[in-house]
């Protein structure tokens, strides 16, 4: 009987883990599309550089592959060489705020229904 319980728990864990991984993948994909749309565009290279990479089960990293050094400068602004300041153009934080609650809701639903 103990073996059956262990098998049932493993099955439940695997199903929940796979469902959470799928939700994370979908959320990362949507966030990449959002960032490509809302990022500042000069030549368009920065906006096209958004991508996602799987870090661990249920964990994806959304990052800019072509111009990673610009993310902080564009998001928060920066000082000009001759003095003065360039205002930031927030695009990463708003995308996170739009997509994170949806991911949390999906995870809660997954846990409620058991995978």
C-alpha atoms as a PDB file:
ATOM      1  CA  UNK A   1       0.000   0.000   0.000  1.00  0.00           C
ATOM      2  CA  UNK A   2       2.852   2.397   0.751  1.00  0.00           C
ATOM      3  CA  UNK A   3       4.210   1.860  -2.772  1.00  0.00           C
ATOM      4  CA  UNK A   4       0.840   2.817  -4.272  1.00  0.00           C
ATOM      5  CA  UNK A   5       0.813   6.034  -2.250  1.00  0.00           C
ATOM      6  CA  UNK A   6       4.352   6.867  -3.393  1.00  0.00           C
ATOM      7  CA  UNK A   7       3.383   6.228  -7.043  1.00  0.00           C
ATOM      8  CA  UNK A   8       0.256   8.394  -6.704  1.00  0.00           C
ATOM      9  CA  UNK A   9       2.231  11.260  -5.158  1.00  0.00           C
ATOM     10  CA  UNK A  10       4.911  11.038  -7.880  1.00  0.00           C
ATOM     11  CA  UNK A  11       2.261  11.069 -10.614  1.00  0.00           C
ATOM     12  CA  UNK A  12       0.543  14.070  -9.033  1.00  0.00           C
ATOM     13  CA  UNK A  13       3.872  15.887  -8.671  1.00  0.00           C
ATOM     14  CA  UNK A  14       4.881  15.207 -12.283  1.00  0.00           C
ATOM     15  CA  UNK A  15       1.507  16.356 -13.643  1.00  0.00           C
ATOM     16  CA  UNK A  16       1.573  19.556 -11.592  1.00  0.00           C
ATOM     17  CA  UNK A  17       5.195  20.217 -12.527  1.00  0.00           C
ATOM     18  CA  UNK A  18       4.495  19.743 -16.255  1.00  0.00           C
ATOM     19  CA  UNK A  19       1.430  21.989 -16.096  1.00  0.00           C
ATOM     20  CA  UNK A  20       3.345  24.741 -14.276  1.00  0.00           C
ATOM     21  CA  UNK A  21       6.186  24.474 -16.796  1.00  0.00           C
ATOM     22  CA  UNK A  22       3.683  24.879 -19.641  1.00  0.00           C
ATOM     23  CA  UNK A  23       2.116  27.918 -17.936  1.00  0.00           C
ATOM     24  CA  UNK A  24       5.568  29.464 -17.442  1.00  0.00           C
ATOM     25  CA  UNK A  25       6.451  28.829 -21.097  1.00  0.00           C
ATOM     26  CA  UNK A  26       3.220  30.430 -22.306  1.00  0.00           C
ATOM     27  CA  UNK A  27       3.689  33.441 -20.010  1.00  0.00           C
ATOM     28  CA  UNK A  28       7.302  33.950 -21.119  1.00  0.00           C
ATOM     29  CA  UNK A  29       6.252  33.689 -24.763  1.00  0.00           C
ATOM     30  CA  UNK A  30       3.508  36.291 -24.252  1.00  0.00           C
ATOM     31  CA  UNK A  31       5.889  38.593 -22.395  1.00  0.00           C
ATOM     32  CA  UNK A  32       8.454  38.378 -25.211  1.00  0.00           C
ATOM     33  CA  UNK A  33       5.769  39.310 -27.744  1.00  0.00           C
ATOM     34  CA  UNK A  34       4.653  42.197 -25.527  1.00  0.00           C
ATOM     35  CA  UNK A  35       8.210  43.498 -25.105  1.00  0.00           C
ATOM     36  CA  UNK A  36       8.874  43.308 -28.837  1.00  0.00           C
ATOM     37  CA  UNK A  37       5.792  45.447 -29.354  1.00  0.00           C
ATOM     38  CA  UNK A  38       6.334  48.013 -26.568  1.00  0.00           C
ATOM     39  CA  UNK A  39      10.137  48.407 -26.544  1.00  0.00           C
ATOM     40  CA  UNK A  40      11.655  51.669 -27.771  1.00  0.00           C
ATOM     41  CA  UNK A  41      12.491  51.420 -31.460  1.00  0.00           C
ATOM     42  CA  UNK A  42      15.267  53.344 -33.152  1.00  0.00           C
ATOM     43  CA  UNK A  43      16.576  50.791 -35.628  1.00  0.00           C
ATOM     44  CA  UNK A  44      14.336  48.023 -34.251  1.00  0.00           C
ATOM     45  CA  UNK A  45      17.281  45.802 -33.355  1.00  0.00           C
ATOM     46  CA  UNK A  46      16.707  46.204 -29.611  1.00  0.00           C
ATOM     47  CA  UNK A  47      12.989  45.380 -29.843  1.00  0.00           C
ATOM     48  CA  UNK A  48      13.645  42.307 -31.998  1.00  0.00           C
ATOM     49  CA  UNK A  49      16.240  41.019 -29.520  1.00  0.00           C
ATOM     50  CA  UNK A  50      13.764  39.864 -26.846  1.00  0.00           C
ATOM     51  CA  UNK A  51      13.759  36.126 -26.269  1.00  0.00           C
ATOM     52  CA  UNK A  52      13.209  33.552 -23.542  1.00  0.00           C
ATOM     53  CA  UNK A  53      15.429  30.804 -22.182  1.00  0.00           C
ATOM     54  CA  UNK A  54      14.492  27.901 -19.940  1.00  0.00           C
ATOM     55  CA  UNK A  55      16.395  28.099 -16.671  1.00  0.00           C
ATOM     56  CA  UNK A  56      14.836  25.208 -14.742  1.00  0.00           C
ATOM     57  CA  UNK A  57      11.537  23.318 -14.733  1.00  0.00           C
ATOM     58  CA  UNK A  58       8.819  25.968 -14.463  1.00  0.00           C
ATOM     59  CA  UNK A  59      11.319  28.810 -14.807  1.00  0.00           C
ATOM     60  CA  UNK A  60      12.059  30.913 -17.878  1.00  0.00           C
ATOM     61  CA  UNK A  61      14.284  33.967 -18.259  1.00  0.00           C
ATOM     62  CA  UNK A  62      13.087  36.717 -20.574  1.00  0.00           C
ATOM     63  CA  UNK A  63      16.079  38.715 -21.781  1.00  0.00           C
ATOM     64  CA  UNK A  64      17.359  40.828 -24.641  1.00  0.00           C
ATOM     65  CA  UNK A  65      19.812  38.776 -26.643  1.00  0.00           C
ATOM     66  CA  UNK A  66      21.047  41.432 -29.080  1.00  0.00           C
ATOM     67  CA  UNK A  67      21.395  44.513 -26.851  1.00  0.00           C
ATOM     68  CA  UNK A  68      21.398  43.415 -23.184  1.00  0.00           C
ATOM     69  CA  UNK A  69      23.425  46.444 -22.128  1.00  0.00           C
ATOM     70  CA  UNK A  70      20.594  48.792 -23.139  1.00  0.00           C
ATOM     71  CA  UNK A  71      17.819  47.333 -20.990  1.00  0.00           C
ATOM     72  CA  UNK A  72      18.724  49.215 -17.808  1.00  0.00           C
ATOM     73  CA  UNK A  73      19.577  52.457 -19.629  1.00  0.00           C
ATOM     74  CA  UNK A  74      16.329  52.539 -21.596  1.00  0.00           C
ATOM     75  CA  UNK A  75      14.156  51.425 -18.680  1.00  0.00           C
ATOM     76  CA  UNK A  76      15.540  53.865 -16.094  1.00  0.00           C
ATOM     77  CA  UNK A  77      17.200  56.622 -18.109  1.00  0.00           C
ATOM     78  CA  UNK A  78      20.820  57.717 -18.049  1.00  0.00           C
ATOM     79  CA  UNK A  79      23.136  60.731 -17.926  1.00  0.00           C
ATOM     80  CA  UNK A  80      24.205  62.361 -21.175  1.00  0.00           C
ATOM     81  CA  UNK A  81      27.849  62.781 -22.020  1.00  0.00           C
ATOM     82  CA  UNK A  82      27.652  66.604 -22.249  1.00  0.00           C
ATOM     83  CA  UNK A  83      25.470  66.951 -19.163  1.00  0.00           C
ATOM     84  CA  UNK A  84      21.798  66.523 -18.616  1.00  0.00           C
ATOM     85  CA  UNK A  85      19.754  63.414 -18.478  1.00  0.00           C
ATOM     86  CA  UNK A  86      17.774  61.151 -20.803  1.00  0.00           C
ATOM     87  CA  UNK A  87      14.422  60.135 -19.329  1.00  0.00           C
ATOM     88  CA  UNK A  88      13.727  56.447 -18.968  1.00  0.00           C
ATOM     89  CA  UNK A  89      11.114  54.726 -21.099  1.00  0.00           C
ATOM     90  CA  UNK A  90       9.668  52.013 -18.873  1.00  0.00           C
ATOM     91  CA  UNK A  91       8.729  48.956 -20.900  1.00  0.00           C
ATOM     92  CA  UNK A  92      10.053  45.968 -18.941  1.00  0.00           C
ATOM     93  CA  UNK A  93       8.336  46.606 -15.588  1.00  0.00           C
ATOM     94  CA  UNK A  94       4.916  47.288 -17.177  1.00  0.00           C
ATOM     95  CA  UNK A  95       5.176  44.062 -19.211  1.00  0.00           C
ATOM     96  CA  UNK A  96       6.046  42.158 -16.038  1.00  0.00           C
ATOM     97  CA  UNK A  97       3.108  43.725 -14.207  1.00  0.00           C
ATOM     98  CA  UNK A  98       0.750  42.728 -17.032  1.00  0.00           C
ATOM     99  CA  UNK A  99       1.867  39.099 -17.283  1.00  0.00           C
ATOM    100  CA  UNK A 100       2.875  38.034 -13.759  1.00  0.00           C
ATOM    101  CA  UNK A 101      -0.656  38.107 -12.266  1.00  0.00           C
ATOM    102  CA  UNK A 102      -1.880  35.924 -15.130  1.00  0.00           C
ATOM    103  CA  UNK A 103       0.882  33.384 -14.426  1.00  0.00           C
ATOM    104  CA  UNK A 104       0.071  33.363 -10.706  1.00  0.00           C
ATOM    105  CA  UNK A 105      -3.605  32.787 -11.509  1.00  0.00           C
ATOM    106  CA  UNK A 106      -2.706  29.872 -13.811  1.00  0.00           C
ATOM    107  CA  UNK A 107      -0.525  28.264 -11.115  1.00  0.00           C
ATOM    108  CA  UNK A 108      -3.304  28.602  -8.544  1.00  0.00           C
ATOM    109  CA  UNK A 109      -5.743  26.914 -10.935  1.00  0.00           C
ATOM    110  CA  UNK A 110      -3.259  24.115 -11.620  1.00  0.00           C
ATOM    111  CA  UNK A 111      -2.819  23.455  -7.902  1.00  0.00           C
ATOM    112  CA  UNK A 112      -6.562  23.557  -7.271  1.00  0.00           C
ATOM    113  CA  UNK A 113      -7.351  20.975  -9.922  1.00  0.00           C
ATOM    114  CA  UNK A 114      -4.255  18.881  -9.234  1.00  0.00           C
ATOM    115  CA  UNK A 115      -2.437  19.169 -12.544  1.00  0.00           C
END
